[in-house]
């Protein structure tokens, strides 16, 4: 198969670490916001000041649904591109 296998070890640069840390922080903030929105907010009075920082409750189902559809479309497009680029031409006999 391969004559020799070389394992490449990549060292993360400062930019890579900054991007990674910002993605982690964004994910934690999004998780916290959504958890408070879906789990805590239904038990808070509707006239409480906390409600003005959140979207209406029906968006708590609509937005993740849209995100899931976009994610599936991206995965499908990536798979189609990989299959298209790796296809081999048919041999003419």
PDB file of N, CA and C in Angstrom:
ATOM      1  N   UNK A   1       0.835  -1.175   0.000  1.00  0.00           N
ATOM      2  CA  UNK A   1       0.000   0.000   0.000  1.00  0.00           C
ATOM      3  C   UNK A   1       0.884   1.243   0.000  1.00  0.00           C
ATOM      4  N   UNK A   2       1.380   1.627   1.135  1.00  0.00           N
ATOM      5  CA  UNK A   2       2.319   2.738   1.209  1.00  0.00           C
ATOM      6  C   UNK A   2       3.688   2.180   1.570  1.00  0.00           C
ATOM      7  N   UNK A   3       4.708   2.718   0.945  1.00  0.00           N
ATOM      8  CA  UNK A   3       6.060   2.233   1.229  1.00  0.00           C
ATOM      9  C   UNK A   3       6.504   2.619   2.628  1.00  0.00           C
ATOM     10  N   UNK A   4       6.152   3.800   3.041  1.00  0.00           N
ATOM     11  CA  UNK A   4       6.503   4.218   4.399  1.00  0.00           C
ATOM     12  C   UNK A   4       5.402   5.118   4.940  1.00  0.00           C
ATOM     13  N   UNK A   5       5.177   4.971   6.187  1.00  0.00           N
ATOM     14  CA  UNK A   5       4.180   5.814   6.844  1.00  0.00           C
ATOM     15  C   UNK A   5       4.894   6.858   7.676  1.00  0.00           C
ATOM     16  N   UNK A   6       4.553   8.082   7.441  1.00  0.00           N
ATOM     17  CA  UNK A   6       5.131   9.166   8.223  1.00  0.00           C
ATOM     18  C   UNK A   6       4.010   9.817   9.016  1.00  0.00           C
ATOM     19  N   UNK A   7       4.228   9.913  10.285  1.00  0.00           N
ATOM     20  CA  UNK A   7       3.248  10.562  11.134  1.00  0.00           C
ATOM     21  C   UNK A   7       3.679  12.004  11.347  1.00  0.00           C
ATOM     22  N   UNK A   8       2.794  12.897  11.002  1.00  0.00           N
ATOM     23  CA  UNK A   8       3.086  14.315  11.151  1.00  0.00           C
ATOM     24  C   UNK A   8       2.443  14.826  12.428  1.00  0.00           C
ATOM     25  N   UNK A   9       3.218  15.456  13.232  1.00  0.00           N
ATOM     26  CA  UNK A   9       2.707  16.076  14.451  1.00  0.00           C
ATOM     27  C   UNK A   9       2.667  17.580  14.227  1.00  0.00           C
ATOM     28  N   UNK A  10       1.493  18.135  14.366  1.00  0.00           N
ATOM     29  CA  UNK A  10       1.339  19.564  14.160  1.00  0.00           C
ATOM     30  C   UNK A  10       1.253  20.258  15.506  1.00  0.00           C
ATOM     31  N   UNK A  11       1.955  21.350  15.614  1.00  0.00           N
ATOM     32  CA  UNK A  11       1.922  22.159  16.825  1.00  0.00           C
ATOM     33  C   UNK A  11       0.957  23.320  16.588  1.00  0.00           C
ATOM     34  N   UNK A  12       0.030  23.517  17.508  1.00  0.00           N
ATOM     35  CA  UNK A  12      -0.934  24.602  17.373  1.00  0.00           C
ATOM     36  C   UNK A  12      -0.237  25.940  17.606  1.00  0.00           C
ATOM     37  N   UNK A  13      -0.464  26.866  16.688  1.00  0.00           N
ATOM     38  CA  UNK A  13       0.112  28.199  16.830  1.00  0.00           C
ATOM     39  C   UNK A  13      -0.790  29.046  17.727  1.00  0.00           C
ATOM     40  N   UNK A  14      -0.359  30.261  17.978  1.00  0.00           N
ATOM     41  CA  UNK A  14      -1.144  31.168  18.809  1.00  0.00           C
ATOM     42  C   UNK A  14      -2.498  31.479  18.207  1.00  0.00           C
ATOM     43  N   UNK A  15      -2.543  31.612  16.886  1.00  0.00           N
ATOM     44  CA  UNK A  15      -3.809  31.904  16.213  1.00  0.00           C
ATOM     45  C   UNK A  15      -4.751  30.710  16.335  1.00  0.00           C
ATOM     46  N   UNK A  16      -4.217  29.497  16.151  1.00  0.00           N
ATOM     47  CA  UNK A  16      -5.042  28.299  16.286  1.00  0.00           C
ATOM     48  C   UNK A  16      -5.623  28.187  17.689  1.00  0.00           C
ATOM     49  N   UNK A  17      -4.803  28.470  18.678  1.00  0.00           N
ATOM     50  CA  UNK A  17      -5.271  28.394  20.059  1.00  0.00           C
ATOM     51  C   UNK A  17      -6.319  29.462  20.346  1.00  0.00           C
ATOM     52  N   UNK A  18      -6.134  30.656  19.795  1.00  0.00           N
ATOM     53  CA  UNK A  18      -7.102  31.734  20.006  1.00  0.00           C
ATOM     54  C   UNK A  18      -8.436  31.398  19.348  1.00  0.00           C
ATOM     55  N   UNK A  19      -8.388  30.871  18.129  1.00  0.00           N
ATOM     56  CA  UNK A  19      -9.620  30.482  17.435  1.00  0.00           C
ATOM     57  C   UNK A  19     -10.311  29.351  18.190  1.00  0.00           C
ATOM     58  N   UNK A  20      -9.545  28.373  18.622  1.00  0.00           N
ATOM     59  CA  UNK A  20     -10.121  27.265  19.379  1.00  0.00           C
ATOM     60  C   UNK A  20     -10.754  27.718  20.678  1.00  0.00           C
ATOM     61  N   UNK A  21     -10.073  28.585  21.391  1.00  0.00           N
ATOM     62  CA  UNK A  21     -10.613  29.080  22.657  1.00  0.00           C
ATOM     63  C   UNK A  21     -11.860  29.928  22.428  1.00  0.00           C
ATOM     64  N   UNK A  22     -11.867  30.726  21.367  1.00  0.00           N
ATOM     65  CA  UNK A  22     -13.058  31.528  21.087  1.00  0.00           C
ATOM     66  C   UNK A  22     -14.240  30.638  20.711  1.00  0.00           C
ATOM     67  N   UNK A  23     -14.000  29.535  19.997  1.00  0.00           N
ATOM     68  CA  UNK A  23     -15.080  28.598  19.687  1.00  0.00           C
ATOM     69  C   UNK A  23     -15.614  27.926  20.952  1.00  0.00           C
ATOM     70  N   UNK A  24     -14.734  27.592  21.864  1.00  0.00           N
ATOM     71  CA  UNK A  24     -15.163  26.987  23.130  1.00  0.00           C
ATOM     72  C   UNK A  24     -15.992  27.981  23.936  1.00  0.00           C
ATOM     73  N   UNK A  25     -15.537  29.223  24.033  1.00  0.00           N
ATOM     74  CA  UNK A  25     -16.268  30.247  24.788  1.00  0.00           C
ATOM     75  C   UNK A  25     -17.623  30.514  24.146  1.00  0.00           C
ATOM     76  N   UNK A  26     -17.665  30.617  22.810  1.00  0.00           N
ATOM     77  CA  UNK A  26     -18.933  30.830  22.107  1.00  0.00           C
ATOM     78  C   UNK A  26     -19.893  29.676  22.366  1.00  0.00           C
ATOM     79  N   UNK A  27     -19.390  28.451  22.315  1.00  0.00           N
ATOM     80  CA  UNK A  27     -20.239  27.281  22.554  1.00  0.00           C
ATOM     81  C   UNK A  27     -20.788  27.273  23.977  1.00  0.00           C
ATOM     82  N   UNK A  28     -19.951  27.622  24.945  1.00  0.00           N
ATOM     83  CA  UNK A  28     -20.414  27.670  26.330  1.00  0.00           C
ATOM     84  C   UNK A  28     -21.470  28.755  26.539  1.00  0.00           C
ATOM     85  N   UNK A  29     -21.259  29.919  25.929  1.00  0.00           N
ATOM     86  CA  UNK A  29     -22.248  30.994  26.043  1.00  0.00           C
ATOM     87  C   UNK A  29     -23.568  30.603  25.387  1.00  0.00           C
ATOM     88  N   UNK A  30     -23.493  29.997  24.214  1.00  0.00           N
ATOM     89  CA  UNK A  30     -24.700  29.568  23.516  1.00  0.00           C
ATOM     90  C   UNK A  30     -25.440  28.496  24.311  1.00  0.00           C
ATOM     91  N   UNK A  31     -24.708  27.543  24.867  1.00  0.00           N
ATOM     92  CA  UNK A  31     -25.322  26.494  25.682  1.00  0.00           C
ATOM     93  C   UNK A  31     -25.996  27.079  26.921  1.00  0.00           C
ATOM     94  N   UNK A  32     -25.328  28.013  27.580  1.00  0.00           N
ATOM     95  CA  UNK A  32     -25.896  28.635  28.775  1.00  0.00           C
ATOM     96  C   UNK A  32     -27.150  29.432  28.435  1.00  0.00           C
ATOM     97  N   UNK A  33     -27.085  30.224  27.366  1.00  0.00           N
ATOM     98  CA  UNK A  33     -28.235  31.032  26.942  1.00  0.00           C
ATOM     99  C   UNK A  33     -29.424  30.139  26.616  1.00  0.00           C
ATOM    100  N   UNK A  34     -29.190  29.097  25.823  1.00  0.00           N
ATOM    101  CA  UNK A  34     -30.278  28.214  25.403  1.00  0.00           C
ATOM    102  C   UNK A  34     -30.840  27.436  26.594  1.00  0.00           C
ATOM    103  N   UNK A  35     -29.969  27.000  27.500  1.00  0.00           N
ATOM    104  CA  UNK A  35     -30.439  26.256  28.675  1.00  0.00           C
ATOM    105  C   UNK A  35     -31.326  27.124  29.561  1.00  0.00           C
ATOM    106  N   UNK A  36     -30.910  28.357  29.796  1.00  0.00           N
ATOM    107  CA  UNK A  36     -31.738  29.269  30.595  1.00  0.00           C
ATOM    108  C   UNK A  36     -33.047  29.547  29.873  1.00  0.00           C
ATOM    109  N   UNK A  37     -32.986  29.730  28.577  1.00  0.00           N
ATOM    110  CA  UNK A  37     -34.162  30.048  27.766  1.00  0.00           C
ATOM    111  C   UNK A  37     -35.184  28.917  27.807  1.00  0.00           C
ATOM    112  N   UNK A  38     -34.717  27.682  27.698  1.00  0.00           N
ATOM    113  CA  UNK A  38     -35.626  26.543  27.584  1.00  0.00           C
ATOM    114  C   UNK A  38     -35.995  25.948  28.943  1.00  0.00           C
ATOM    115  N   UNK A  39     -35.058  25.929  29.884  1.00  0.00           N
ATOM    116  CA  UNK A  39     -35.301  25.232  31.149  1.00  0.00           C
ATOM    117  C   UNK A  39     -35.794  26.169  32.246  1.00  0.00           C
ATOM    118  N   UNK A  40     -35.200  27.341  32.371  1.00  0.00           N
ATOM    119  CA  UNK A  40     -35.522  28.235  33.492  1.00  0.00           C
ATOM    120  C   UNK A  40     -36.685  29.164  33.168  1.00  0.00           C
ATOM    121  N   UNK A  41     -36.686  29.743  31.984  1.00  0.00           N
ATOM    122  CA  UNK A  41     -37.646  30.791  31.644  1.00  0.00           C
ATOM    123  C   UNK A  41     -39.116  30.368  31.736  1.00  0.00           C
ATOM    124  N   UNK A  42     -39.490  29.126  31.420  1.00  0.00           N
ATOM    125  CA  UNK A  42     -40.911  28.765  31.580  1.00  0.00           C
ATOM    126  C   UNK A  42     -41.417  28.861  33.023  1.00  0.00           C
ATOM    127  N   UNK A  43     -40.521  28.817  34.002  1.00  0.00           N
ATOM    128  CA  UNK A  43     -40.926  28.878  35.405  1.00  0.00           C
ATOM    129  C   UNK A  43     -40.871  30.295  35.979  1.00  0.00           C
ATOM    130  N   UNK A  44     -40.476  31.266  35.157  1.00  0.00           N
ATOM    131  CA  UNK A  44     -40.398  32.661  35.596  1.00  0.00           C
ATOM    132  C   UNK A  44     -41.665  33.373  35.131  1.00  0.00           C
ATOM    133  N   UNK A  45     -42.181  34.274  35.961  1.00  0.00           N
ATOM    134  CA  UNK A  45     -43.383  35.027  35.592  1.00  0.00           C
ATOM    135  C   UNK A  45     -43.175  35.757  34.273  1.00  0.00           C
ATOM    136  N   UNK A  46     -44.237  35.830  33.474  1.00  0.00           N
ATOM    137  CA  UNK A  46     -44.121  36.422  32.139  1.00  0.00           C
ATOM    138  C   UNK A  46     -43.856  37.923  32.172  1.00  0.00           C
ATOM    139  N   UNK A  47     -44.130  38.595  33.283  1.00  0.00           N
ATOM    140  CA  UNK A  47     -43.859  40.031  33.366  1.00  0.00           C
ATOM    141  C   UNK A  47     -42.499  40.336  33.990  1.00  0.00           C
ATOM    142  N   UNK A  48     -41.706  39.321  34.247  1.00  0.00           N
ATOM    143  CA  UNK A  48     -40.372  39.508  34.836  1.00  0.00           C
ATOM    144  C   UNK A  48     -39.437  40.147  33.811  1.00  0.00           C
ATOM    145  N   UNK A  49     -38.466  40.928  34.285  1.00  0.00           N
ATOM    146  CA  UNK A  49     -37.531  41.644  33.417  1.00  0.00           C
ATOM    147  C   UNK A  49     -36.640  40.684  32.619  1.00  0.00           C
ATOM    148  N   UNK A  50     -36.466  39.473  33.098  1.00  0.00           N
ATOM    149  CA  UNK A  50     -35.612  38.492  32.424  1.00  0.00           C
ATOM    150  C   UNK A  50     -36.135  38.119  31.037  1.00  0.00           C
ATOM    151  N   UNK A  51     -37.438  38.211  30.837  1.00  0.00           N
ATOM    152  CA  UNK A  51     -38.039  37.822  29.559  1.00  0.00           C
ATOM    153  C   UNK A  51     -37.641  38.740  28.406  1.00  0.00           C
ATOM    154  N   UNK A  52     -37.249  39.962  28.697  1.00  0.00           N
ATOM    155  CA  UNK A  52     -36.912  40.879  27.605  1.00  0.00           C
ATOM    156  C   UNK A  52     -35.567  40.553  26.953  1.00  0.00           C
ATOM    157  N   UNK A  53     -34.757  39.686  27.574  1.00  0.00           N
ATOM    158  CA  UNK A  53     -33.462  39.311  27.015  1.00  0.00           C
ATOM    159  C   UNK A  53     -33.534  38.068  26.127  1.00  0.00           C
ATOM    160  N   UNK A  54     -34.705  37.490  25.979  1.00  0.00           N
ATOM    161  CA  UNK A  54     -34.855  36.256  25.221  1.00  0.00           C
ATOM    162  C   UNK A  54     -35.917  36.422  24.147  1.00  0.00           C
ATOM    163  N   UNK A  55     -35.767  35.637  23.082  1.00  0.00           N
ATOM    164  CA  UNK A  55     -36.761  35.614  22.014  1.00  0.00           C
ATOM    165  C   UNK A  55     -38.021  34.909  22.507  1.00  0.00           C
ATOM    166  N   UNK A  56     -39.125  35.033  21.752  1.00  0.00           N
ATOM    167  CA  UNK A  56     -40.331  34.276  22.123  1.00  0.00           C
ATOM    168  C   UNK A  56     -40.054  32.767  22.148  1.00  0.00           C
ATOM    169  N   UNK A  57     -40.847  32.054  22.919  1.00  0.00           N
ATOM    170  CA  UNK A  57     -40.595  30.643  23.199  1.00  0.00           C
ATOM    171  C   UNK A  57     -40.657  29.753  21.959  1.00  0.00           C
ATOM    172  N   UNK A  58     -41.458  30.093  20.966  1.00  0.00           N
ATOM    173  CA  UNK A  58     -41.563  29.225  19.780  1.00  0.00           C
ATOM    174  C   UNK A  58     -40.251  29.172  18.991  1.00  0.00           C
ATOM    175  N   UNK A  59     -39.428  30.197  19.131  1.00  0.00           N
ATOM    176  CA  UNK A  59     -38.132  30.184  18.447  1.00  0.00           C
ATOM    177  C   UNK A  59     -37.161  29.176  19.059  1.00  0.00           C
ATOM    178  N   UNK A  60     -37.429  28.730  20.282  1.00  0.00           N
ATOM    179  CA  UNK A  60     -36.546  27.739  20.901  1.00  0.00           C
ATOM    180  C   UNK A  60     -36.624  26.393  20.198  1.00  0.00           C
ATOM    181  N   UNK A  61     -37.659  26.177  19.409  1.00  0.00           N
ATOM    182  CA  UNK A  61     -37.773  24.957  18.607  1.00  0.00           C
ATOM    183  C   UNK A  61     -37.410  25.239  17.154  1.00  0.00           C
ATOM    184  N   UNK A  62     -37.801  26.400  16.654  1.00  0.00           N
ATOM    185  CA  UNK A  62     -37.582  26.729  15.243  1.00  0.00           C
ATOM    186  C   UNK A  62     -36.097  26.901  14.927  1.00  0.00           C
ATOM    187  N   UNK A  63     -35.372  27.651  15.737  1.00  0.00           N
ATOM    188  CA  UNK A  63     -33.958  27.931  15.449  1.00  0.00           C
ATOM    189  C   UNK A  63     -33.076  26.682  15.455  1.00  0.00           C
ATOM    190  N   UNK A  64     -33.180  25.777  16.441  1.00  0.00           N
ATOM    191  CA  UNK A  64     -32.388  24.543  16.343  1.00  0.00           C
ATOM    192  C   UNK A  64     -32.798  23.675  15.157  1.00  0.00           C
ATOM    193  N   UNK A  65     -34.072  23.713  14.785  1.00  0.00           N
ATOM    194  CA  UNK A  65     -34.514  22.964  13.603  1.00  0.00           C
ATOM    195  C   UNK A  65     -33.872  23.487  12.335  1.00  0.00           C
ATOM    196  N   UNK A  66     -33.827  24.801  12.197  1.00  0.00           N
ATOM    197  CA  UNK A  66     -33.174  25.411  11.033  1.00  0.00           C
ATOM    198  C   UNK A  66     -31.684  25.098  11.039  1.00  0.00           C
ATOM    199  N   UNK A  67     -31.060  25.167  12.213  1.00  0.00           N
ATOM    200  CA  UNK A  67     -29.631  24.842  12.315  1.00  0.00           C
ATOM    201  C   UNK A  67     -29.371  23.388  11.931  1.00  0.00           C
ATOM    202  N   UNK A  68     -30.261  22.482  12.325  1.00  0.00           N
ATOM    203  CA  UNK A  68     -30.096  21.066  11.973  1.00  0.00           C
ATOM    204  C   UNK A  68     -30.228  20.848  10.472  1.00  0.00           C
ATOM    205  N   UNK A  69     -31.178  21.528   9.841  1.00  0.00           N
ATOM    206  CA  UNK A  69     -31.342  21.399   8.385  1.00  0.00           C
ATOM    207  C   UNK A  69     -30.108  21.927   7.662  1.00  0.00           C
ATOM    208  N   UNK A  70     -29.587  23.068   8.099  1.00  0.00           N
ATOM    209  CA  UNK A  70     -28.382  23.630   7.478  1.00  0.00           C
ATOM    210  C   UNK A  70     -27.197  22.694   7.670  1.00  0.00           C
ATOM    211  N   UNK A  71     -27.056  22.115   8.861  1.00  0.00           N
ATOM    212  CA  UNK A  71     -25.972  21.166   9.123  1.00  0.00           C
ATOM    213  C   UNK A  71     -26.079  19.949   8.215  1.00  0.00           C
ATOM    214  N   UNK A  72     -27.275  19.396   8.066  1.00  0.00           N
ATOM    215  CA  UNK A  72     -27.456  18.235   7.193  1.00  0.00           C
ATOM    216  C   UNK A  72     -27.183  18.582   5.732  1.00  0.00           C
ATOM    217  N   UNK A  73     -27.570  19.778   5.308  1.00  0.00           N
ATOM    218  CA  UNK A  73     -27.271  20.207   3.940  1.00  0.00           C
ATOM    219  C   UNK A  73     -25.768  20.333   3.712  1.00  0.00           C
ATOM    220  N   UNK A  74     -25.057  20.879   4.680  1.00  0.00           N
ATOM    221  CA  UNK A  74     -23.596  21.003   4.550  1.00  0.00           C
ATOM    222  C   UNK A  74     -22.921  19.638   4.522  1.00  0.00           C
ATOM    223  N   UNK A  75     -23.375  18.721   5.370  1.00  0.00           N
ATOM    224  CA  UNK A  75     -22.808  17.372   5.367  1.00  0.00           C
ATOM    225  C   UNK A  75     -23.092  16.684   4.040  1.00  0.00           C
ATOM    226  N   UNK A  76     -24.294  16.830   3.528  1.00  0.00           N
ATOM    227  CA  UNK A  76     -24.640  16.239   2.235  1.00  0.00           C
ATOM    228  C   UNK A  76     -23.838  16.836   1.095  1.00  0.00           C
ATOM    229  N   UNK A  77     -23.651  18.149   1.106  1.00  0.00           N
ATOM    230  CA  UNK A  77     -22.860  18.796   0.056  1.00  0.00           C
ATOM    231  C   UNK A  77     -21.409  18.355   0.122  1.00  0.00           C
ATOM    232  N   UNK A  78     -20.852  18.260   1.328  1.00  0.00           N
ATOM    233  CA  UNK A  78     -19.472  17.801   1.487  1.00  0.00           C
ATOM    234  C   UNK A  78     -19.318  16.366   0.986  1.00  0.00           C
ATOM    235  N   UNK A  79     -20.252  15.506   1.348  1.00  0.00           N
ATOM    236  CA  UNK A  79     -20.207  14.115   0.897  1.00  0.00           C
ATOM    237  C   UNK A  79     -20.311  14.028  -0.617  1.00  0.00           C
ATOM    238  N   UNK A  80     -21.191  14.823  -1.211  1.00  0.00           N
ATOM    239  CA  UNK A  80     -21.337  14.813  -2.669  1.00  0.00           C
ATOM    240  C   UNK A  80     -20.055  15.269  -3.355  1.00  0.00           C
ATOM    241  N   UNK A  81     -19.410  16.297  -2.827  1.00  0.00           N
ATOM    242  CA  UNK A  81     -18.162  16.789  -3.421  1.00  0.00           C
ATOM    243  C   UNK A  81     -17.065  15.740  -3.309  1.00  0.00           C
ATOM    244  N   UNK A  82     -16.955  15.085  -2.159  1.00  0.00           N
ATOM    245  CA  UNK A  82     -15.923  14.060  -1.979  1.00  0.00           C
ATOM    246  C   UNK A  82     -16.166  12.888  -2.916  1.00  0.00           C
ATOM    247  N   UNK A  83     -17.398  12.449  -3.030  1.00  0.00           N
ATOM    248  CA  UNK A  83     -17.708  11.336  -3.932  1.00  0.00           C
ATOM    249  C   UNK A  83     -17.448  11.743  -5.374  1.00  0.00           C
ATOM    250  N   UNK A  84     -17.821  12.948  -5.746  1.00  0.00           N
ATOM    251  CA  UNK A  84     -17.626  13.422  -7.117  1.00  0.00           C
ATOM    252  C   UNK A  84     -16.143  13.496  -7.471  1.00  0.00           C
ATOM    253  N   UNK A  85     -15.324  13.985  -6.557  1.00  0.00           N
ATOM    254  CA  UNK A  85     -13.891  14.123  -6.839  1.00  0.00           C
ATOM    255  C   UNK A  85     -13.166  12.786  -6.824  1.00  0.00           C
ATOM    256  N   UNK A  86     -13.674  11.804  -6.106  1.00  0.00           N
ATOM    257  CA  UNK A  86     -13.000  10.515  -6.003  1.00  0.00           C
ATOM    258  C   UNK A  86     -13.512   9.474  -6.993  1.00  0.00           C
ATOM    259  N   UNK A  87     -14.461   9.835  -7.815  1.00  0.00           N
ATOM    260  CA  UNK A  87     -14.967   8.844  -8.768  1.00  0.00           C
ATOM    261  C   UNK A  87     -13.921   8.598  -9.845  1.00  0.00           C
ATOM    262  N   UNK A  88     -13.895   7.363 -10.305  1.00  0.00           N
ATOM    263  CA  UNK A  88     -12.922   6.979 -11.320  1.00  0.00           C
ATOM    264  C   UNK A  88     -13.640   6.857 -12.651  1.00  0.00           C
ATOM    265  N   UNK A  89     -12.992   7.288 -13.714  1.00  0.00           N
ATOM    266  CA  UNK A  89     -13.640   7.159 -15.025  1.00  0.00           C
ATOM    267  C   UNK A  89     -13.783   5.688 -15.407  1.00  0.00           C
ATOM    268  N   UNK A  90     -14.839   5.395 -16.143  1.00  0.00           N
ATOM    269  CA  UNK A  90     -15.078   4.021 -16.581  1.00  0.00           C
ATOM    270  C   UNK A  90     -14.067   3.642 -17.649  1.00  0.00           C
ATOM    271  N   UNK A  91     -13.611   2.404 -17.563  1.00  0.00           N
ATOM    272  CA  UNK A  91     -12.660   1.918 -18.562  1.00  0.00           C
ATOM    273  C   UNK A  91     -13.414   1.506 -19.816  1.00  0.00           C
ATOM    274  N   UNK A  92     -12.887   1.910 -20.943  1.00  0.00           N
ATOM    275  CA  UNK A  92     -13.495   1.550 -22.220  1.00  0.00           C
ATOM    276  C   UNK A  92     -12.801   0.299 -22.728  1.00  0.00           C
ATOM    277  N   UNK A  93     -13.556  -0.775 -22.931  1.00  0.00           N
ATOM    278  CA  UNK A  93     -12.960  -2.025 -23.413  1.00  0.00           C
ATOM    279  C   UNK A  93     -13.100  -2.161 -24.904  1.00  0.00           C
TER     280      UNK A  93
END
